[in-house]
N, C-alpha and C. Protein backbone atom coordinates (compact mmCIF):
# COMPACT_ATOMS: atom_id res chain seq x y z
N MET A 1 139.62 85.97 78.12
CA MET A 1 139.67 86.99 77.02
C MET A 1 138.72 85.90 76.32
N GLU A 2 137.88 86.99 75.69
CA GLU A 2 137.00 86.32 74.55
C GLU A 2 137.12 85.79 73.38
N THR A 3 136.75 84.40 73.08
CA THR A 3 137.33 84.22 72.02
C THR A 3 136.78 84.14 70.44
N ILE A 4 137.69 84.45 69.81
CA ILE A 4 137.15 84.88 68.67
C ILE A 4 137.51 84.05 66.92
N SER A 5 136.57 83.69 66.53
CA SER A 5 136.19 82.52 65.25
C SER A 5 137.36 82.93 64.06
N ALA A 6 138.16 81.81 63.50
CA ALA A 6 138.79 82.49 62.53
C ALA A 6 137.86 82.97 61.68
N ARG A 7 136.50 82.97 61.00
CA ARG A 7 135.40 83.45 60.16
C ARG A 7 135.89 85.01 61.00
N ASP A 8 135.39 85.30 62.37
CA ASP A 8 135.08 86.49 62.25
C ASP A 8 136.51 87.35 62.28
N ALA A 9 137.97 87.12 62.51
CA ALA A 9 138.82 87.25 62.34
C ALA A 9 138.84 87.70 61.19
N ALA A 10 138.82 86.84 59.92
CA ALA A 10 138.81 86.95 58.82
C ALA A 10 138.17 88.49 58.48
N GLU A 11 136.69 88.18 58.85
CA GLU A 11 135.87 89.34 58.40
C GLU A 11 136.77 90.81 59.15
N MET A 12 137.61 90.83 60.22
CA MET A 12 137.56 92.04 60.21
C MET A 12 138.81 92.34 59.77
N ASN A 13 139.34 91.57 59.93
CA ASN A 13 140.64 91.69 58.65
C ASN A 13 140.18 92.02 56.84
N THR A 14 139.52 91.86 56.57
CA THR A 14 138.47 92.99 55.73
C THR A 14 137.89 93.71 55.72
N LEU A 15 137.64 94.17 56.83
CA LEU A 15 136.94 95.17 56.65
C LEU A 15 137.82 96.26 57.32
N LEU A 16 138.80 96.17 58.07
CA LEU A 16 140.08 96.72 58.16
C LEU A 16 140.73 97.17 56.49
N GLU A 17 140.89 96.13 55.73
CA GLU A 17 141.58 96.75 54.95
C GLU A 17 140.96 97.47 54.01
N THR A 18 139.57 96.91 53.69
CA THR A 18 138.44 98.01 52.89
C THR A 18 139.03 99.32 53.22
N MET A 19 138.43 99.90 54.31
CA MET A 19 138.69 100.82 54.93
C MET A 19 139.73 101.57 55.36
N THR A 20 141.15 101.19 55.50
CA THR A 20 142.14 101.28 56.18
C THR A 20 143.72 101.37 54.60
N GLY A 21 142.88 101.12 53.59
CA GLY A 21 144.02 100.59 52.44
C GLY A 21 145.00 99.56 52.91
N ASP A 22 144.81 98.99 54.31
CA ASP A 22 146.43 98.73 54.81
C ASP A 22 146.05 97.23 54.54
N PRO A 23 147.18 96.72 53.86
CA PRO A 23 147.01 95.16 53.75
C PRO A 23 147.20 94.35 55.02
N VAL A 24 146.05 93.99 55.91
CA VAL A 24 145.68 93.43 57.01
C VAL A 24 146.61 92.20 56.34
N SER A 25 146.08 91.58 55.40
CA SER A 25 146.43 89.68 55.11
C SER A 25 147.76 90.07 55.50
N LYS A 26 148.37 90.79 55.51
CA LYS A 26 150.13 90.54 55.44
C LYS A 26 150.36 90.33 56.94
N THR A 27 149.62 90.78 58.04
CA THR A 27 150.18 90.46 59.35
C THR A 27 148.22 90.31 59.83
N SER A 28 148.36 89.12 59.96
CA SER A 28 146.58 89.00 60.29
C SER A 28 146.18 89.28 61.56
N TRP A 29 145.52 89.46 62.24
CA TRP A 29 144.93 89.55 63.48
C TRP A 29 144.47 88.65 64.15
N SER A 30 145.34 88.41 65.31
CA SER A 30 144.82 87.07 66.33
C SER A 30 145.39 87.29 67.54
N PRO A 31 144.58 86.91 68.56
CA PRO A 31 144.82 87.31 69.62
C PRO A 31 145.82 87.10 70.74
N GLU A 32 146.85 86.22 69.86
CA GLU A 32 148.61 86.14 70.62
C GLU A 32 149.02 87.11 69.68
N ASN A 33 148.48 87.82 68.54
CA ASN A 33 149.63 89.10 68.49
C ASN A 33 148.75 90.63 67.96
N ALA A 34 147.86 90.73 69.30
CA ALA A 34 147.10 91.92 69.53
C ALA A 34 148.02 92.93 70.00
N VAL A 35 147.86 94.38 69.39
CA VAL A 35 148.87 95.13 70.82
C VAL A 35 147.63 96.12 70.98
N THR A 36 147.99 96.51 71.71
CA THR A 36 146.52 97.18 72.69
C THR A 36 146.64 98.80 72.43
N LEU A 37 145.72 99.42 73.21
CA LEU A 37 145.25 100.88 72.86
C LEU A 37 146.52 101.67 73.91
N ASP A 38 146.69 100.98 75.09
CA ASP A 38 147.22 101.29 75.72
C ASP A 38 149.24 101.13 75.24
N ASP A 39 149.51 100.04 74.40
CA ASP A 39 150.55 100.19 73.44
C ASP A 39 150.57 100.82 72.75
N ILE A 40 149.60 101.19 71.62
CA ILE A 40 149.49 102.52 70.58
C ILE A 40 149.89 103.48 71.53
N ARG A 41 149.08 104.14 72.75
CA ARG A 41 149.43 105.40 73.36
C ARG A 41 150.68 105.31 73.64
N ARG A 42 151.17 104.43 74.27
CA ARG A 42 152.97 104.58 74.83
C ARG A 42 153.49 104.78 73.67
N GLU A 43 153.38 104.60 71.94
CA GLU A 43 154.07 104.39 71.29
C GLU A 43 154.07 106.07 70.94
N LEU A 44 152.69 106.23 70.56
CA LEU A 44 152.65 107.65 70.03
C LEU A 44 153.84 108.79 71.52
N GLY A 45 153.49 108.26 72.06
CA GLY A 45 154.57 109.27 73.51
C GLY A 45 153.73 111.00 73.34
N ASP A 46 154.82 111.98 73.97
CA ASP A 46 154.62 113.46 73.46
C ASP A 46 154.89 113.60 72.04
N CYS A 47 154.40 113.17 71.04
CA CYS A 47 154.35 113.10 70.33
C CYS A 47 154.84 114.78 69.41
N THR A 48 156.12 114.84 69.16
CA THR A 48 156.69 116.05 68.15
C THR A 48 156.40 115.50 66.85
N ARG A 49 156.07 114.78 66.53
CA ARG A 49 156.61 114.30 64.65
C ARG A 49 155.72 115.44 63.35
N CYS A 50 154.60 116.34 63.95
CA CYS A 50 154.24 117.12 62.97
C CYS A 50 154.23 118.62 63.39
N ASN A 51 153.92 119.77 62.80
CA ASN A 51 153.97 121.03 63.83
C ASN A 51 152.74 121.50 64.82
N LEU A 52 151.45 120.02 64.64
CA LEU A 52 150.87 120.53 65.51
C LEU A 52 151.11 120.07 66.98
N SER A 53 152.19 119.53 67.01
CA SER A 53 152.85 119.26 68.69
C SER A 53 153.19 120.85 68.98
N GLN A 54 153.47 121.76 68.31
CA GLN A 54 154.00 122.76 68.77
C GLN A 54 152.70 123.83 69.52
N SER A 55 151.24 123.76 69.11
CA SER A 55 151.05 124.45 69.68
C SER A 55 149.49 123.87 70.33
N ARG A 56 149.53 122.78 70.89
CA ARG A 56 148.42 121.64 71.31
C ARG A 56 149.24 121.63 73.28
N LYS A 57 147.72 122.02 73.60
CA LYS A 57 148.01 121.44 75.17
C LYS A 57 148.03 120.24 75.46
N ASN A 58 147.13 119.33 74.83
CA ASN A 58 147.17 117.68 75.27
C ASN A 58 146.75 116.83 74.03
N ILE A 59 147.27 115.75 73.55
CA ILE A 59 147.43 115.00 72.53
C ILE A 59 145.70 114.12 72.93
N VAL A 60 145.03 114.86 72.29
CA VAL A 60 143.96 113.86 72.43
C VAL A 60 143.76 112.04 71.85
N PHE A 61 144.19 111.06 72.25
CA PHE A 61 144.53 110.11 71.62
C PHE A 61 143.23 109.32 71.68
N GLY A 62 142.21 109.41 72.18
CA GLY A 62 140.31 108.31 71.64
C GLY A 62 140.39 108.01 73.56
N LYS A 63 138.82 107.82 73.23
CA LYS A 63 138.10 107.26 74.44
C LYS A 63 136.95 106.10 74.53
N GLY A 64 136.66 105.70 75.57
CA GLY A 64 135.91 104.43 75.07
C GLY A 64 136.15 102.98 75.11
N ASN A 65 135.24 102.30 74.78
CA ASN A 65 135.51 100.76 75.10
C ASN A 65 136.54 100.51 73.80
N PRO A 66 137.42 99.87 74.67
CA PRO A 66 138.59 99.44 73.82
C PRO A 66 137.93 98.09 72.99
N ARG A 67 137.08 97.48 73.27
CA ARG A 67 136.29 96.11 72.44
C ARG A 67 134.76 96.96 72.24
N ALA A 68 134.85 98.11 71.56
CA ALA A 68 133.43 98.88 70.95
C ALA A 68 133.55 97.99 69.89
N ALA A 69 132.12 97.58 69.28
CA ALA A 69 131.45 97.00 67.72
C ALA A 69 131.47 98.53 66.98
N LEU A 70 131.18 99.38 67.56
CA LEU A 70 130.74 100.98 66.79
C LEU A 70 132.24 101.55 67.16
N VAL A 71 133.00 102.51 66.42
CA VAL A 71 133.95 103.46 66.42
C VAL A 71 133.78 104.64 65.81
N LEU A 72 133.49 105.64 66.11
CA LEU A 72 133.35 107.22 65.81
C LEU A 72 134.93 108.14 65.66
N VAL A 73 134.62 107.93 64.11
CA VAL A 73 136.33 108.70 63.58
C VAL A 73 135.85 110.18 63.46
N GLY A 74 136.45 111.38 64.04
CA GLY A 74 135.82 112.47 63.77
C GLY A 74 137.68 113.28 63.33
N GLU A 75 137.84 114.13 62.37
CA GLU A 75 139.29 114.56 61.54
C GLU A 75 140.13 115.01 62.61
N GLY A 76 139.23 115.90 64.03
CA GLY A 76 140.62 116.53 64.63
C GLY A 76 139.72 116.76 65.62
N PRO A 77 140.68 116.73 67.02
CA PRO A 77 140.48 117.06 68.37
C PRO A 77 139.73 119.00 68.15
N GLY A 78 138.33 119.21 68.47
CA GLY A 78 138.12 120.61 68.04
C GLY A 78 138.30 121.55 68.97
N GLY A 79 137.46 121.99 69.61
CA GLY A 79 137.48 123.32 70.24
C GLY A 79 138.65 123.24 71.35
N LYS A 80 138.62 124.32 72.36
CA LYS A 80 139.89 124.60 73.59
C LYS A 80 139.54 123.61 74.47
N LYS A 81 138.39 122.61 74.93
CA LYS A 81 136.99 122.54 75.77
C LYS A 81 138.10 120.64 75.88
N THR A 82 138.04 120.54 74.56
CA THR A 82 138.49 119.34 74.04
C THR A 82 139.90 118.54 74.10
N SER A 83 140.26 119.60 73.91
CA SER A 83 142.02 119.46 74.14
C SER A 83 142.07 119.61 75.66
N ARG A 84 141.87 120.88 76.59
CA ARG A 84 141.60 120.85 77.54
C ARG A 84 141.37 119.35 78.55
N GLU A 85 140.73 119.24 78.33
CA GLU A 85 139.65 118.15 78.86
C GLU A 85 140.18 116.24 77.74
N ASN A 86 141.30 116.63 76.94
CA ASN A 86 141.95 115.68 77.01
C ASN A 86 140.72 114.41 76.07
N ARG A 87 139.57 114.72 75.42
CA ARG A 87 138.85 113.85 75.12
C ARG A 87 138.11 114.04 73.79
N SER A 88 137.63 113.62 73.20
CA SER A 88 136.66 114.11 71.71
C SER A 88 135.07 114.34 71.84
N TRP A 89 134.63 115.20 71.40
CA TRP A 89 133.11 115.75 70.93
C TRP A 89 132.91 115.96 72.76
N VAL A 90 133.54 117.09 73.08
CA VAL A 90 133.18 117.50 73.80
C VAL A 90 131.23 118.72 74.13
N ARG A 91 131.80 119.36 73.45
CA ARG A 91 130.68 120.52 73.13
C ARG A 91 129.50 120.25 72.37
N GLN A 92 130.33 119.58 71.31
CA GLN A 92 129.45 119.29 70.29
C GLN A 92 129.23 117.62 70.79
N GLY A 93 129.67 117.34 71.63
CA GLY A 93 129.29 116.19 72.02
C GLY A 93 127.84 115.99 72.78
N GLN A 94 127.12 116.65 73.22
CA GLN A 94 125.59 116.51 73.68
C GLN A 94 125.08 115.95 72.75
N LEU A 95 125.10 116.71 71.63
CA LEU A 95 123.86 115.84 70.25
C LEU A 95 124.75 114.23 70.06
N LEU A 96 125.78 114.20 70.29
CA LEU A 96 126.54 112.86 69.88
C LEU A 96 125.70 112.19 71.24
N THR A 97 125.82 112.08 72.26
CA THR A 97 124.89 111.73 73.32
C THR A 97 123.92 110.95 73.02
N ARG A 98 122.88 112.32 72.86
CA ARG A 98 121.67 112.44 72.42
C ARG A 98 121.42 110.96 71.50
N ILE A 99 122.28 111.24 69.93
CA ILE A 99 122.31 110.32 69.06
C ILE A 99 122.47 108.91 69.22
N LEU A 100 123.62 108.47 70.05
CA LEU A 100 124.13 107.08 70.87
C LEU A 100 122.63 107.14 71.69
N GLN A 101 121.98 107.37 72.17
CA GLN A 101 120.74 107.16 73.13
C GLN A 101 119.68 106.95 72.79
N ALA A 102 119.67 107.91 71.33
CA ALA A 102 118.60 107.10 70.45
C ALA A 102 118.67 105.78 69.88
N ILE A 103 119.93 105.33 69.80
CA ILE A 103 119.90 103.94 69.32
C ILE A 103 120.26 102.62 70.28
N ASN A 104 120.61 103.43 71.68
CA ASN A 104 120.44 102.67 73.14
C ASN A 104 121.67 102.03 72.96
N LEU A 105 122.58 103.33 72.77
CA LEU A 105 124.28 102.92 72.84
C LEU A 105 124.73 103.71 74.05
N SER A 106 125.63 103.98 74.39
CA SER A 106 126.49 105.17 75.63
C SER A 106 127.52 105.44 75.09
N ARG A 107 128.12 106.28 75.43
CA ARG A 107 129.55 106.87 75.11
C ARG A 107 130.31 105.70 75.22
N ASP A 108 130.32 105.23 76.81
CA ASP A 108 130.82 104.12 77.58
C ASP A 108 131.19 102.96 76.43
N GLU A 109 130.02 102.73 75.73
CA GLU A 109 129.56 101.45 74.61
C GLU A 109 130.66 101.67 73.57
N VAL A 110 131.18 102.94 72.85
CA VAL A 110 131.49 103.17 72.02
C VAL A 110 132.95 103.94 72.07
N TYR A 111 133.71 103.58 70.80
CA TYR A 111 135.02 104.32 70.76
C TYR A 111 134.94 105.87 70.06
N ILE A 112 135.66 106.68 70.47
CA ILE A 112 135.70 107.99 70.04
C ILE A 112 137.11 108.65 69.89
N THR A 113 137.55 108.84 68.54
CA THR A 113 139.14 109.27 68.17
C THR A 113 139.46 109.84 67.07
N ASN A 114 140.01 110.33 66.70
CA ASN A 114 140.25 111.58 65.71
C ASN A 114 141.37 110.83 64.64
N VAL A 115 141.18 111.83 63.52
CA VAL A 115 142.16 111.25 62.60
C VAL A 115 143.45 111.73 62.58
N VAL A 116 143.40 113.20 63.41
CA VAL A 116 144.87 113.72 63.96
C VAL A 116 144.56 113.90 65.44
N LYS A 117 145.50 113.73 66.23
CA LYS A 117 145.44 113.56 67.85
C LYS A 117 145.62 115.18 68.62
N CYS A 118 146.27 115.62 67.31
CA CYS A 118 146.26 117.27 68.49
C CYS A 118 145.24 118.52 67.74
N ARG A 119 144.83 119.45 68.39
CA ARG A 119 143.95 120.53 67.42
C ARG A 119 145.10 121.23 66.33
N PRO A 120 143.96 121.23 65.57
CA PRO A 120 144.68 122.26 64.58
C PRO A 120 144.71 123.74 65.10
N PRO A 121 145.52 124.74 65.24
CA PRO A 121 145.60 125.90 65.34
C PRO A 121 143.84 126.83 64.82
N GLN A 122 143.43 127.54 65.37
CA GLN A 122 142.15 127.91 64.87
C GLN A 122 140.68 127.28 64.15
N ASN A 123 141.36 125.71 65.15
CA ASN A 123 139.84 124.79 64.58
C ASN A 123 140.28 124.67 63.11
N ARG A 124 140.89 124.77 62.45
CA ARG A 124 141.07 124.25 61.08
C ARG A 124 141.24 123.57 60.55
N ASP A 125 140.78 122.59 59.10
CA ASP A 125 141.47 121.46 58.95
C ASP A 125 142.25 120.96 59.12
N PRO A 126 142.64 120.01 59.45
CA PRO A 126 143.85 119.39 59.27
C PRO A 126 144.83 119.09 57.74
N HIS A 127 146.55 119.60 57.70
CA HIS A 127 146.76 119.30 56.70
C HIS A 127 147.23 117.85 56.46
N ALA A 128 147.54 117.82 54.79
CA ALA A 128 147.57 116.67 54.10
C ALA A 128 148.87 116.11 55.01
N GLU A 129 150.04 116.36 55.58
CA GLU A 129 151.14 116.35 56.06
C GLU A 129 150.83 115.78 57.48
N GLU A 130 149.77 116.41 58.17
CA GLU A 130 149.14 116.20 59.74
C GLU A 130 148.61 115.18 59.57
N VAL A 131 147.74 114.64 58.61
CA VAL A 131 146.98 113.77 58.69
C VAL A 131 147.62 112.26 58.31
N GLU A 132 148.67 112.01 57.21
CA GLU A 132 149.67 111.49 57.22
C GLU A 132 150.37 111.04 57.98
N THR A 133 151.23 112.28 59.12
CA THR A 133 151.69 111.64 60.47
C THR A 133 151.24 111.04 61.57
N CYS A 134 149.77 111.41 61.42
CA CYS A 134 149.07 110.49 62.66
C CYS A 134 148.18 109.56 62.24
N PHE A 135 147.81 109.10 60.55
CA PHE A 135 147.22 108.15 60.00
C PHE A 135 147.93 106.72 60.50
N PRO A 136 148.81 106.22 60.90
CA PRO A 136 149.12 104.87 61.11
C PRO A 136 149.02 104.84 62.55
N PHE A 137 148.29 106.08 63.33
CA PHE A 137 148.25 105.77 64.77
C PHE A 137 146.93 105.09 64.78
N LEU A 138 145.88 106.23 63.75
CA LEU A 138 144.36 105.57 63.77
C LEU A 138 144.33 104.25 63.42
N LYS A 139 145.36 103.48 62.18
CA LYS A 139 144.87 102.23 61.82
C LYS A 139 145.34 101.01 63.18
N LYS A 140 146.06 101.58 63.78
CA LYS A 140 146.71 100.59 64.77
C LYS A 140 145.55 100.85 66.03
N GLN A 141 144.82 101.47 65.95
CA GLN A 141 143.57 101.83 67.25
C GLN A 141 142.76 101.26 66.51
N LEU A 142 142.02 100.88 65.31
CA LEU A 142 141.09 100.58 64.52
C LEU A 142 142.05 98.84 64.94
N ASN A 143 143.39 98.57 64.22
CA ASN A 143 143.47 97.06 64.34
C ASN A 143 143.39 96.30 65.75
N ALA A 144 143.23 97.71 66.76
CA ALA A 144 143.44 97.32 68.43
C ALA A 144 141.64 96.81 68.66
N ILE A 145 140.73 97.77 68.28
CA ILE A 145 139.87 97.33 68.53
C ILE A 145 138.88 96.34 67.87
N ARG A 146 139.48 96.34 66.48
CA ARG A 146 137.98 95.35 66.04
C ARG A 146 136.46 95.83 65.68
N PRO A 147 136.48 96.83 65.59
CA PRO A 147 134.88 97.07 65.29
C PRO A 147 134.37 96.45 64.39
N GLY A 148 133.09 96.65 64.09
CA GLY A 148 132.24 95.63 63.66
C GLY A 148 131.75 97.01 62.51
N VAL A 149 131.71 98.23 63.14
CA VAL A 149 131.43 99.32 62.39
C VAL A 149 132.33 100.49 62.63
N ILE A 150 132.72 101.37 61.68
CA ILE A 150 133.18 102.17 61.73
C ILE A 150 132.58 103.36 60.99
N CYS A 151 133.00 104.79 61.79
CA CYS A 151 131.61 105.59 61.51
C CYS A 151 132.21 106.38 61.13
N ALA A 152 132.57 107.30 60.01
CA ALA A 152 133.80 108.77 59.97
C ALA A 152 132.86 109.79 59.56
N LEU A 153 132.72 110.78 60.67
CA LEU A 153 132.28 111.64 61.14
C LEU A 153 132.71 113.55 60.78
N GLY A 154 131.91 113.23 59.65
CA GLY A 154 132.32 114.38 58.21
C GLY A 154 132.85 113.79 57.11
N LYS A 155 132.92 114.99 56.07
CA LYS A 155 133.81 114.72 54.77
C LYS A 155 134.67 113.86 54.79
N ILE A 156 135.66 115.41 55.60
CA ILE A 156 137.38 115.30 55.56
C ILE A 156 137.98 114.00 56.08
N CYS A 157 136.63 113.37 57.04
CA CYS A 157 137.60 112.00 57.92
C CYS A 157 137.05 110.94 56.99
N PHE A 158 136.15 111.64 56.29
CA PHE A 158 135.62 110.36 55.50
C PHE A 158 136.25 110.05 54.12
N SER A 159 137.09 111.16 53.98
CA SER A 159 138.28 111.11 52.56
C SER A 159 139.30 110.28 53.23
N ASP A 160 139.81 110.81 54.18
CA ASP A 160 140.59 110.19 54.77
C ASP A 160 140.87 108.34 55.32
N LEU A 161 139.58 108.60 55.46
CA LEU A 161 139.56 106.86 55.74
C LEU A 161 139.16 106.24 54.50
N THR A 162 138.97 106.59 53.88
CA THR A 162 138.71 105.89 52.57
C THR A 162 139.30 106.08 51.60
N GLY A 163 140.76 107.40 51.40
CA GLY A 163 141.57 107.59 50.26
C GLY A 163 140.61 108.09 49.07
N ASN A 164 139.58 108.13 49.36
CA ASN A 164 138.83 108.79 48.41
C ASN A 164 138.87 110.42 48.16
N HIS A 165 139.68 111.72 47.95
CA HIS A 165 140.11 112.62 48.08
C HIS A 165 139.12 113.48 46.90
């Protein structure tokens, strides 16, 4: 496992606290108390915490490099193909893949996830209570990955991440 300096860990804590509003400093991250994405996925389980579970086919947890320097966060799983394939940005992902290639990155080098983990009916915007239910899992994902950059893909997602509604 790669060693992370105390300075780097402190910078990551500050970044996560700024982006998520979570007082990371109270439970500072260190390699010893790190939670993995697999741990978080197991905790999520076959989630029925909100009404999105009633119409979903799959939970779309996230995909990519668990040590990614860049995490891309969308608001929620999109089309039926996304839900069926259990991954984010399938159809629209062709453009995303080209954008990543333009900056010399591949989808395997980044981590892609969403604020909510189930596709809202008719691809509507997630409701506040759905975001509130899923957001702790997103924060845990970000805490596990410890990215250098978190990129919100869209206005709603940006608002959710920053609390600027």
